[in-house]
Amino acid sequence: MKRFDPEIVSGNVLNSLWKLTWPLVLLNMVNGVHGFIDQVLIGHFVPGENNAGNAAVGVSWQLFIVMVVLIASISHGMNVLIARYAGRQDPKMVSFVFFEALLTAAVFLVGIVAPLGYWLSPQLLRFIGVEECVYKYALPYLRLLFAFNCPLFLMILTTGAFQAAGEPKLALKLNILGAVLNIVLSFILITGLGIFPPLGVIGAGIGTVLAPCIALLVALYLIMKGKTLIEFPSRWRWLLNWEVLKIIIRVGLPTGIQGVVANIAGVLLIKYIGSMPNNTAAQAAYTICYNQLFSIVTWTSFGLRSACGTVMSQNIGAGLPERGKKAVRTGIYLGSFWGVIIGVVFIFFSTPLLRIFNAQSELVVDYGKALLQCLALSGILLSATLAMTGGIQGAGATQLPMLITLVSQFGVLLGACEILYLRGALNIYRIWYMIVLAHFVRYMLTFFVFRTDGWIRTKVELSSELKEIF
């Protein structure tokens, strides 16, 4: 049986944070690379005016993520509990929480998300107002994601458990395996290599849902062989433990809602974009710049958020909450520095970046350059915000970040867009400005919360009797 890493809760805080951060940042980059490559291939090999194929993939993922709120809740609630018990060096409770979460997620994904998402796909696409040239690509792609979503999200859940337990390198290796398989499959199926016909957008979807299956099987094999901090149960339980599930949902649901709020805001933002003239060009620019190029910032920021959450939670579990908060402050500086670097690249190299996606339409290029200039500032704000958010959520205080996201996304971003729309003053460029304003408000509110100490004392605990069940 492997031992927990003591350096996460001892020694220099920068070393503790960095041990978690670099594998998690690379993990998020690896997870995002296949989507980036898919978009590049689609831009070059899928015919259509104003990059309709790119727009189809972008709006489909925005809708797909909205439908999986409970999975995000289960994942984060599980991670907080696992990190707490990892900080206490308690492998039995770590393993018990993981398998309860895995069983719950599988039931929800297969029994609810798959059929409901498949059935609602046409209505969701019509709701956000995509044009017919986008709809014809988006519908089969979105239905494919919903129908075969289970391995993808169980893999996310599993790697999240490894991260929280203090094994980010193992999570990274598994995601590299999945990403390589995904890229290879997507390249073959999108372009029609060898005996395979060119499937375009649907080929990207097949690669996305098929690659995680193999990586998930490898992860479960390693658990069964005792190669991980998580132990395989001596007997498999098919009935959910409601005490575990209740605490997981209580801790994780606000985070799931926070993610859904952000993604619903993204869907409604696309709806506003869809109401503007030249909406296909604007949706393509938004997909390329915000969903893909800005991912260079979000990959890092979400990895840093996970690292800050894990180090905060493990240090609380070890009885060292102030040390955890000090590590999160270090994360804020790291994230801000990265945001500045990427912001400079966005400002001075916007046209070459857009050309990577074969953005040849003058409208797509103009909209994209304007958006990248706005995102140069947003990247700094978001990186710092997510580092603080990770620390707050790692302590189990998930309601406050949820409320902050609600205010910034619905109150500021969508509220401002609606006011401008009703006055007839809304245009694509002003939508871009509202994105920056929302990121600024979210940063300020999170900063004021992080300065306080009440969130550190959030109670997250399971009864000790549950050990006997495992």
Protein backbone atom coordinates (compact mmCIF):
# COMPACT_ATOMS: atom_id res chain seq x y z
CA MET A 1 0.00 0.00 0.00
CA LYS A 2 1.37 3.41 -0.99
CA ARG A 3 1.89 6.09 1.67
CA PHE A 4 0.42 9.61 1.62
CA ASP A 5 2.80 12.45 0.76
CA PRO A 6 3.76 14.26 4.02
CA GLU A 7 5.26 17.24 2.17
CA ILE A 8 1.79 18.54 1.25
CA VAL A 9 1.21 19.38 4.92
CA SER A 10 4.77 20.22 5.99
CA GLY A 11 7.84 22.18 4.91
CA ASN A 12 7.95 25.15 2.55
CA VAL A 13 4.47 26.19 1.33
CA LEU A 14 5.73 26.96 -2.19
CA ASN A 15 7.13 23.45 -2.48
CA SER A 16 3.86 21.96 -1.16
CA LEU A 17 1.79 23.94 -3.66
CA TRP A 18 4.17 23.39 -6.56
CA LYS A 19 4.20 19.59 -6.08
CA LEU A 20 0.46 19.64 -6.73
CA THR A 21 0.29 22.53 -9.18
CA TRP A 22 2.57 21.52 -12.02
CA PRO A 23 1.02 18.06 -12.58
CA LEU A 24 -2.51 19.53 -12.32
CA VAL A 25 -1.72 22.37 -14.71
CA LEU A 26 -0.24 19.92 -17.20
CA LEU A 27 -3.24 17.65 -16.64
CA ASN A 28 -5.64 20.46 -17.55
CA MET A 29 -3.52 21.36 -20.55
CA VAL A 30 -3.52 17.74 -21.67
CA ASN A 31 -7.31 17.59 -21.23
CA GLY A 32 -7.68 20.73 -23.30
CA VAL A 33 -5.20 19.89 -26.05
CA HIS A 34 -7.47 17.38 -27.74
CA GLY A 35 -10.27 19.96 -27.92
CA PHE A 36 -7.83 22.51 -29.28
CA ILE A 37 -6.60 20.09 -31.95
CA ASP A 38 -10.18 19.07 -32.78
CA GLN A 39 -11.04 22.71 -33.43
CA VAL A 40 -7.95 23.21 -35.61
CA LEU A 41 -8.74 20.09 -37.66
CA ILE A 42 -12.40 21.06 -37.99
CA GLY A 43 -11.42 24.56 -39.10
CA HIS A 44 -9.32 23.08 -41.90
CA PHE A 45 -11.27 19.98 -42.94
CA VAL A 46 -14.95 20.83 -42.36
CA PRO A 47 -16.29 23.07 -45.13
CA GLY A 48 -18.61 25.93 -44.25
CA GLU A 49 -18.86 29.70 -44.24
CA ASN A 50 -17.67 31.56 -41.12
CA ASN A 51 -16.26 28.38 -39.49
CA ALA A 52 -19.68 26.83 -38.85
CA GLY A 53 -18.11 23.54 -37.72
CA ASN A 54 -16.08 25.32 -35.02
CA ALA A 55 -19.19 27.14 -33.85
CA ALA A 56 -21.13 23.84 -33.69
CA VAL A 57 -18.58 22.18 -31.39
CA GLY A 58 -18.33 25.26 -29.19
CA VAL A 59 -22.07 25.67 -28.59
CA SER A 60 -22.52 21.91 -28.11
CA TRP A 61 -19.98 21.75 -25.31
CA GLN A 62 -21.51 24.81 -23.67
CA LEU A 63 -24.87 23.03 -23.58
CA PHE A 64 -23.41 19.66 -22.62
CA ILE A 65 -21.64 20.96 -19.51
CA VAL A 66 -24.81 22.65 -18.24
CA MET A 67 -26.56 19.27 -18.05
CA VAL A 68 -24.05 17.64 -15.70
CA VAL A 69 -24.43 19.77 -12.57
CA LEU A 70 -24.77 16.80 -10.22
CA ILE A 71 -21.61 15.17 -11.54
CA ALA A 72 -19.65 18.35 -10.85
CA SER A 73 -21.22 18.37 -7.39
CA ILE A 74 -20.28 14.75 -6.69
CA SER A 75 -16.75 15.32 -7.94
CA HIS A 76 -16.02 18.36 -5.81
CA GLY A 77 -17.73 17.05 -2.69
CA MET A 78 -15.77 13.82 -3.06
CA ASN A 79 -12.49 15.70 -3.54
CA VAL A 80 -12.95 17.78 -0.38
CA LEU A 81 -13.66 14.69 1.73
CA ILE A 82 -10.82 12.67 0.20
CA ALA A 83 -8.33 15.50 0.75
CA ARG A 84 -9.45 15.89 4.38
CA TYR A 85 -8.92 12.19 5.10
CA ALA A 86 -5.66 12.16 3.12
CA GLY A 87 -4.44 14.94 5.41
CA ARG A 88 -5.29 12.62 8.33
CA GLN A 89 -3.49 9.68 6.65
CA ASP A 90 -6.72 7.62 6.58
CA PRO A 91 -6.72 5.40 3.43
CA LYS A 92 -9.87 3.47 4.36
CA MET A 93 -12.08 6.56 4.42
CA VAL A 94 -10.42 7.93 1.27
CA SER A 95 -11.30 4.72 -0.57
CA PHE A 96 -14.79 4.47 0.89
CA VAL A 97 -15.70 8.00 -0.25
CA PHE A 98 -14.32 7.38 -3.75
CA PHE A 99 -16.30 4.24 -4.48
CA GLU A 100 -19.53 5.69 -3.11
CA ALA A 101 -19.08 8.70 -5.40
CA LEU A 102 -18.20 6.49 -8.39
CA LEU A 103 -21.34 4.38 -7.99
CA THR A 104 -23.57 7.44 -7.60
CA ALA A 105 -22.12 9.09 -10.68
CA ALA A 106 -22.53 6.00 -12.85
CA VAL A 107 -26.21 5.66 -11.90
CA PHE A 108 -26.90 9.33 -12.59
CA LEU A 109 -25.02 9.44 -15.90
CA VAL A 110 -26.58 6.34 -17.41
CA GLY A 111 -30.07 6.68 -15.95
CA ILE A 112 -30.71 10.41 -16.24
CA VAL A 113 -28.16 12.47 -18.17
CA ALA A 114 -27.91 10.22 -21.25
CA PRO A 115 -31.62 9.84 -22.12
CA LEU A 116 -32.63 13.33 -21.02
CA GLY A 117 -29.78 15.05 -22.86
CA TYR A 118 -30.34 13.07 -26.07
CA TRP A 119 -34.04 13.96 -26.09
CA LEU A 120 -33.52 17.67 -25.30
CA SER A 121 -30.66 18.30 -27.73
CA PRO A 122 -32.77 19.79 -30.59
CA GLN A 123 -34.69 22.07 -28.22
CA LEU A 124 -31.48 23.28 -26.55
CA LEU A 125 -29.87 24.17 -29.87
CA ARG A 126 -33.00 25.98 -31.07
CA PHE A 127 -33.19 27.86 -27.78
CA ILE A 128 -29.80 29.50 -28.22
CA GLY A 129 -30.65 30.41 -31.81
CA VAL A 130 -27.97 28.68 -33.88
CA GLU A 131 -28.30 29.02 -37.63
CA GLU A 132 -29.08 26.02 -39.80
CA CYS A 133 -25.48 25.76 -41.03
CA VAL A 134 -24.37 25.28 -37.40
CA TYR A 135 -27.36 23.15 -36.33
CA LYS A 136 -26.68 20.41 -38.91
CA TYR A 137 -23.24 19.80 -37.36
CA ALA A 138 -24.18 20.44 -33.73
CA LEU A 139 -27.18 18.10 -33.32
CA PRO A 140 -25.48 14.73 -34.01
CA TYR A 141 -22.36 15.83 -32.13
CA LEU A 142 -24.32 16.90 -29.03
CA ARG A 143 -26.45 13.75 -29.02
CA LEU A 144 -23.32 11.62 -29.24
CA LEU A 145 -21.83 13.37 -26.21
CA PHE A 146 -24.96 12.79 -24.15
CA ALA A 147 -25.51 9.18 -25.18
CA PHE A 148 -21.97 8.04 -24.35
CA ASN A 149 -21.01 10.44 -21.56
CA CYS A 150 -20.44 7.89 -18.77
CA PRO A 151 -16.75 6.87 -19.32
CA LEU A 152 -15.76 10.49 -19.88
CA PHE A 153 -17.13 11.73 -16.56
CA LEU A 154 -16.15 8.65 -14.55
CA MET A 155 -12.60 9.25 -15.77
CA ILE A 156 -12.81 12.87 -14.59
CA LEU A 157 -14.10 11.66 -11.22
CA THR A 158 -11.31 9.09 -10.89
CA THR A 159 -8.46 11.47 -11.74
CA GLY A 160 -10.00 14.02 -9.37
CA ALA A 161 -9.82 11.45 -6.57
CA PHE A 162 -6.14 10.78 -7.31
CA GLN A 163 -5.44 14.52 -7.23
CA ALA A 164 -7.22 15.03 -3.91
CA ALA A 165 -5.40 12.06 -2.36
CA GLY A 166 -2.05 13.56 -3.34
CA GLU A 167 -1.27 11.57 -6.51
CA PRO A 168 -1.40 14.26 -9.20
CA LYS A 169 1.33 12.61 -11.28
CA LEU A 170 -0.74 9.44 -11.66
CA ALA A 171 -3.75 11.54 -12.69
CA LEU A 172 -1.53 13.30 -15.23
CA LYS A 173 -0.25 10.03 -16.74
CA LEU A 174 -3.78 8.67 -17.14
CA ASN A 175 -4.94 11.86 -18.80
CA ILE A 176 -1.96 11.85 -21.15
CA LEU A 177 -2.99 8.34 -22.18
CA GLY A 178 -6.57 9.46 -22.79
CA ALA A 179 -5.52 12.62 -24.64
CA VAL A 180 -3.11 10.78 -26.96
CA LEU A 181 -5.81 8.24 -27.83
CA ASN A 182 -8.29 11.06 -28.37
CA ILE A 183 -5.97 13.01 -30.66
CA VAL A 184 -5.12 9.94 -32.73
CA LEU A 185 -8.77 8.92 -33.09
CA SER A 186 -9.88 12.45 -33.90
CA PHE A 187 -7.18 12.91 -36.53
CA ILE A 188 -8.11 9.64 -38.21
CA LEU A 189 -11.88 10.17 -38.07
CA ILE A 190 -12.08 13.90 -38.80
CA THR A 191 -9.78 13.79 -41.81
CA GLY A 192 -10.62 10.29 -43.08
CA LEU A 193 -7.21 8.67 -42.82
CA GLY A 194 -6.66 5.29 -44.45
CA ILE A 195 -9.75 3.09 -44.70
CA PHE A 196 -11.89 5.47 -42.64
CA PRO A 197 -14.19 7.98 -44.35
CA PRO A 198 -13.88 11.65 -43.32
CA LEU A 199 -16.47 12.14 -40.56
CA GLY A 200 -15.74 15.77 -39.77
CA VAL A 201 -17.45 17.05 -36.60
CA ILE A 202 -18.98 13.69 -35.68
CA GLY A 203 -15.51 12.12 -35.91
CA ALA A 204 -14.33 14.53 -33.22
CA GLY A 205 -17.25 13.41 -31.06
CA ILE A 206 -16.43 9.71 -31.45
CA GLY A 207 -12.85 10.32 -30.36
CA THR A 208 -14.03 12.31 -27.34
CA VAL A 209 -16.29 9.57 -25.97
CA LEU A 210 -14.19 6.53 -26.93
CA ALA A 211 -10.71 7.48 -25.65
CA PRO A 212 -11.64 7.76 -21.92
CA CYS A 213 -12.88 4.15 -21.87
CA ILE A 214 -9.36 2.74 -22.11
CA ALA A 215 -7.88 5.21 -19.62
CA LEU A 216 -10.65 4.41 -17.10
CA LEU A 217 -9.98 0.67 -17.38
CA VAL A 218 -6.28 1.27 -16.74
CA ALA A 219 -7.10 3.37 -13.65
CA LEU A 220 -9.36 0.67 -12.20
CA TYR A 221 -6.71 -1.97 -12.92
CA LEU A 222 -4.10 0.04 -10.97
CA ILE A 223 -6.50 0.37 -8.03
CA MET A 224 -7.20 -3.38 -8.00
CA LYS A 225 -3.45 -4.14 -8.06
CA GLY A 226 -2.80 -1.87 -5.06
CA LYS A 227 -0.70 0.60 -7.05
CA THR A 228 -2.59 3.67 -5.78
CA LEU A 229 -3.51 5.33 -2.49
CA ILE A 230 -7.10 4.27 -3.13
CA GLU A 231 -7.87 0.69 -2.14
CA PHE A 232 -10.31 -1.57 -3.95
CA PRO A 233 -13.15 -2.73 -1.64
CA SER A 234 -13.02 -6.30 -0.37
CA ARG A 235 -16.67 -6.63 -1.38
CA TRP A 236 -18.57 -4.45 -3.83
CA ARG A 237 -21.59 -2.55 -2.58
CA TRP A 238 -24.45 -1.90 -5.01
CA LEU A 239 -26.54 0.18 -2.61
CA LEU A 240 -25.71 3.85 -2.06
CA ASN A 241 -24.77 5.04 1.41
CA TRP A 242 -27.01 8.03 1.97
CA GLU A 243 -24.92 9.56 4.76
CA VAL A 244 -21.91 9.81 2.47
CA LEU A 245 -24.01 11.00 -0.45
CA LYS A 246 -25.72 13.66 1.69
CA ILE A 247 -22.43 15.22 2.78
CA ILE A 248 -20.92 14.96 -0.70
CA ILE A 249 -23.93 16.76 -2.18
CA ARG A 250 -24.07 19.35 0.62
CA VAL A 251 -20.43 20.27 0.06
CA GLY A 252 -20.34 19.78 -3.68
CA LEU A 253 -23.72 21.01 -4.89
CA PRO A 254 -22.88 24.73 -4.57
CA THR A 255 -19.75 24.10 -6.66
CA GLY A 256 -21.81 22.21 -9.23
CA ILE A 257 -24.35 25.02 -9.30
CA GLN A 258 -21.48 27.51 -9.62
CA GLY A 259 -20.22 25.66 -12.69
CA VAL A 260 -23.71 25.46 -14.16
CA VAL A 261 -24.33 29.15 -13.47
CA ALA A 262 -21.16 29.98 -15.40
CA ASN A 263 -22.10 27.69 -18.26
CA ILE A 264 -25.74 28.82 -18.39
CA ALA A 265 -24.39 32.35 -18.54
CA GLY A 266 -22.21 31.20 -21.44
CA VAL A 267 -25.23 29.66 -23.18
CA LEU A 268 -27.28 32.85 -22.72
CA LEU A 269 -24.32 34.90 -23.88
CA ILE A 270 -24.25 32.85 -27.07
CA LYS A 271 -27.96 33.58 -27.36
CA TYR A 272 -27.24 37.31 -27.20
CA ILE A 273 -24.48 36.83 -29.77
CA GLY A 274 -26.97 34.88 -31.90
CA SER A 275 -29.36 37.85 -31.86
CA MET A 276 -26.76 40.13 -33.42
CA PRO A 277 -26.06 40.64 -37.13
CA ASN A 278 -23.31 38.36 -38.49
CA ASN A 279 -23.93 35.98 -35.59
CA THR A 280 -22.23 32.94 -37.12
CA ALA A 281 -18.97 34.87 -37.47
CA ALA A 282 -19.29 36.14 -33.90
CA GLN A 283 -20.06 32.66 -32.52
CA ALA A 284 -17.04 31.27 -34.37
CA ALA A 285 -14.83 34.05 -32.95
CA TYR A 286 -16.18 33.38 -29.45
CA THR A 287 -15.56 29.63 -29.81
CA ILE A 288 -12.02 30.09 -31.14
CA CYS A 289 -10.95 32.85 -28.75
CA TYR A 290 -12.86 32.17 -25.53
CA ASN A 291 -13.38 28.40 -25.67
CA GLN A 292 -9.98 27.56 -27.17
CA LEU A 293 -7.32 30.29 -26.98
CA PHE A 294 -8.45 31.52 -23.57
CA SER A 295 -8.17 27.91 -22.45
CA ILE A 296 -4.42 28.54 -22.27
CA VAL A 297 -5.31 30.64 -19.22
CA THR A 298 -8.13 28.47 -17.88
CA TRP A 299 -6.15 25.23 -18.18
CA THR A 300 -3.56 26.72 -15.85
CA SER A 301 -6.07 28.47 -13.62
CA PHE A 302 -8.26 25.43 -13.04
CA GLY A 303 -5.19 23.32 -12.34
CA LEU A 304 -4.05 25.94 -9.84
CA ARG A 305 -7.55 26.03 -8.32
CA SER A 306 -7.45 22.26 -7.82
CA ALA A 307 -3.98 22.46 -6.28
CA CYS A 308 -5.03 25.27 -3.92
CA GLY A 309 -8.14 23.31 -2.95
CA THR A 310 -6.18 20.13 -2.23
CA VAL A 311 -3.42 21.82 -0.23
CA MET A 312 -5.99 23.82 1.75
CA SER A 313 -8.13 20.78 2.51
CA GLN A 314 -5.23 18.49 3.42
CA ASN A 315 -3.74 21.12 5.72
CA ILE A 316 -7.10 21.57 7.44
CA GLY A 317 -7.29 17.80 7.85
CA ALA A 318 -3.81 17.90 9.39
CA GLY A 319 -4.83 20.73 11.75
CA LEU A 320 -2.83 23.44 9.89
CA PRO A 321 -5.42 25.80 8.32
CA GLU A 322 -3.22 28.93 8.38
CA ARG A 323 -0.49 27.09 6.51
CA GLY A 324 -3.04 26.16 3.86
CA LYS A 325 -4.16 29.79 3.47
CA LYS A 326 -0.54 30.90 3.12
CA ALA A 327 -0.07 28.37 0.31
CA VAL A 328 -3.16 29.72 -1.46
CA ARG A 329 -1.72 33.27 -1.32
CA THR A 330 1.33 31.91 -3.10
CA GLY A 331 -1.00 30.44 -5.71
CA ILE A 332 -2.55 33.86 -6.33
CA TYR A 333 0.85 35.28 -7.30
CA LEU A 334 1.66 32.31 -9.55
CA GLY A 335 -1.68 32.59 -11.36
CA SER A 336 -1.45 36.35 -11.86
CA PHE A 337 2.06 36.04 -13.31
CA TRP A 338 0.86 33.48 -15.86
CA GLY A 339 -2.11 35.67 -16.77
CA VAL A 340 0.21 38.60 -17.55
CA ILE A 341 2.36 36.47 -19.87
CA ILE A 342 -0.62 35.15 -21.85
CA GLY A 343 -2.19 38.62 -21.97
CA VAL A 344 0.89 39.99 -23.71
CA VAL A 345 0.70 37.15 -26.27
CA PHE A 346 -3.00 37.84 -26.92
CA ILE A 347 -2.37 41.54 -27.55
CA PHE A 348 0.65 41.29 -29.82
CA PHE A 349 -0.02 38.00 -31.66
CA SER A 350 -3.81 37.97 -32.08
CA THR A 351 -3.84 37.59 -35.88
CA PRO A 352 -1.39 34.63 -36.02
CA LEU A 353 -3.35 32.91 -33.25
CA LEU A 354 -6.59 33.22 -35.21
CA ARG A 355 -4.92 31.92 -38.38
CA ILE A 356 -4.12 28.66 -36.59
CA PHE A 357 -7.86 27.88 -36.79
CA ASN A 358 -8.02 28.88 -40.46
CA ALA A 359 -10.09 31.96 -39.60
CA GLN A 360 -10.11 33.62 -43.00
CA SER A 361 -13.35 35.58 -42.82
CA GLU A 362 -12.64 39.26 -42.17
CA LEU A 363 -15.51 39.41 -39.68
CA VAL A 364 -14.25 36.41 -37.68
CA VAL A 365 -10.75 37.96 -37.53
CA ASP A 366 -12.03 41.41 -36.49
CA TYR A 367 -14.31 40.02 -33.79
CA GLY A 368 -11.60 37.67 -32.61
CA LYS A 369 -8.90 40.33 -32.30
CA ALA A 370 -11.21 42.55 -30.27
CA LEU A 371 -12.13 39.66 -27.96
CA LEU A 372 -8.50 38.65 -27.40
CA GLN A 373 -7.65 42.20 -26.33
CA CYS A 374 -10.39 42.02 -23.70
CA LEU A 375 -9.32 38.55 -22.59
CA ALA A 376 -5.75 39.80 -22.01
CA LEU A 377 -7.02 41.55 -18.87
CA SER A 378 -9.57 38.88 -18.01
CA GLY A 379 -6.82 36.25 -17.83
CA ILE A 380 -5.02 38.03 -14.98
CA LEU A 381 -8.25 38.53 -13.04
CA LEU A 382 -9.49 34.97 -13.56
CA SER A 383 -6.20 33.32 -12.57
CA ALA A 384 -6.07 35.14 -9.25
CA THR A 385 -9.78 34.59 -8.64
CA LEU A 386 -9.63 30.84 -9.18
CA ALA A 387 -6.64 30.42 -6.86
CA MET A 388 -8.63 32.08 -4.06
CA THR A 389 -11.75 30.13 -5.03
CA GLY A 390 -9.83 26.85 -4.79
CA GLY A 391 -8.74 27.63 -1.25
CA ILE A 392 -12.24 28.61 -0.15
CA GLN A 393 -13.83 25.54 -1.76
CA GLY A 394 -11.09 23.28 -0.39
CA ALA A 395 -12.19 24.29 3.09
CA GLY A 396 -15.71 23.14 2.24
CA ALA A 397 -17.16 26.68 2.06
CA THR A 398 -18.64 26.22 -1.38
CA GLN A 399 -21.71 28.45 -1.06
CA LEU A 400 -19.81 31.75 -1.11
CA PRO A 401 -18.06 31.16 -4.48
CA MET A 402 -21.42 30.03 -5.88
CA LEU A 403 -23.09 33.29 -4.85
CA ILE A 404 -20.19 35.33 -6.22
CA THR A 405 -20.45 33.55 -9.57
CA LEU A 406 -24.20 34.13 -9.60
CA VAL A 407 -23.75 37.87 -9.03
CA SER A 408 -20.93 38.30 -11.56
CA GLN A 409 -22.42 36.16 -14.34
CA PHE A 410 -26.14 36.87 -14.07
CA GLY A 411 -26.17 40.20 -12.29
CA VAL A 412 -23.28 41.82 -14.13
CA LEU A 413 -22.62 40.00 -17.42
CA LEU A 414 -26.14 39.06 -18.48
CA GLY A 415 -27.77 41.96 -16.66
CA ALA A 416 -25.65 44.51 -18.51
CA CYS A 417 -26.21 42.75 -21.83
CA GLU A 418 -29.98 42.73 -21.27
CA ILE A 419 -30.06 46.44 -20.43
CA LEU A 420 -28.04 47.29 -23.53
CA TYR A 421 -30.20 44.97 -25.63
CA LEU A 422 -33.45 46.59 -24.47
CA ARG A 423 -32.03 50.04 -25.23
CA GLY A 424 -30.93 48.90 -28.70
CA ALA A 425 -27.30 49.60 -27.80
CA LEU A 426 -25.96 46.03 -27.66
CA ASN A 427 -23.37 44.93 -30.20
CA ILE A 428 -20.68 42.27 -30.40
CA TYR A 429 -17.90 44.53 -29.12
CA ARG A 430 -19.91 45.61 -26.09
CA ILE A 431 -20.58 41.96 -25.27
CA TRP A 432 -16.81 41.47 -25.16
CA TYR A 433 -16.47 44.43 -22.76
CA MET A 434 -19.10 42.95 -20.45
CA ILE A 435 -17.05 39.74 -20.19
CA VAL A 436 -14.13 41.74 -18.74
CA LEU A 437 -16.44 43.62 -16.35
CA ALA A 438 -17.88 40.34 -15.01
CA HIS A 439 -14.38 38.95 -14.38
CA PHE A 440 -13.40 42.12 -12.51
CA VAL A 441 -16.46 41.99 -10.24
CA ARG A 442 -15.88 38.29 -9.54
CA TYR A 443 -12.27 39.00 -8.59
CA MET A 444 -13.17 41.82 -6.20
CA LEU A 445 -15.91 39.87 -4.41
CA THR A 446 -13.71 36.78 -4.06
CA PHE A 447 -10.84 38.90 -2.73
CA PHE A 448 -13.02 40.39 0.02
CA VAL A 449 -14.22 36.92 1.09
CA PHE A 450 -10.71 35.43 1.04
CA ARG A 451 -9.44 38.14 3.40
CA THR A 452 -11.80 36.85 6.12
CA ASP A 453 -11.28 33.65 8.15
CA GLY A 454 -14.80 32.32 8.79
CA TRP A 455 -14.78 30.06 5.73
CA ILE A 456 -11.77 28.13 7.08
CA ARG A 457 -13.88 26.72 9.93
CA THR A 458 -16.48 25.01 7.72
CA LYS A 459 -17.38 21.59 9.17
CA VAL A 460 -17.02 18.61 6.82
CA GLU A 461 -17.06 15.24 8.56
CA LEU A 462 -18.31 11.65 8.21
CA SER A 463 -19.10 9.39 11.15
CA SER A 464 -16.29 7.02 12.15
CA GLU A 465 -18.70 4.05 12.00
CA LEU A 466 -18.55 4.17 8.21
CA LYS A 467 -15.09 2.60 8.30
CA GLU A 468 -16.65 -0.68 9.33
CA ILE A 469 -18.83 -0.66 6.22
CA PHE A 470 -15.81 -0.48 3.95
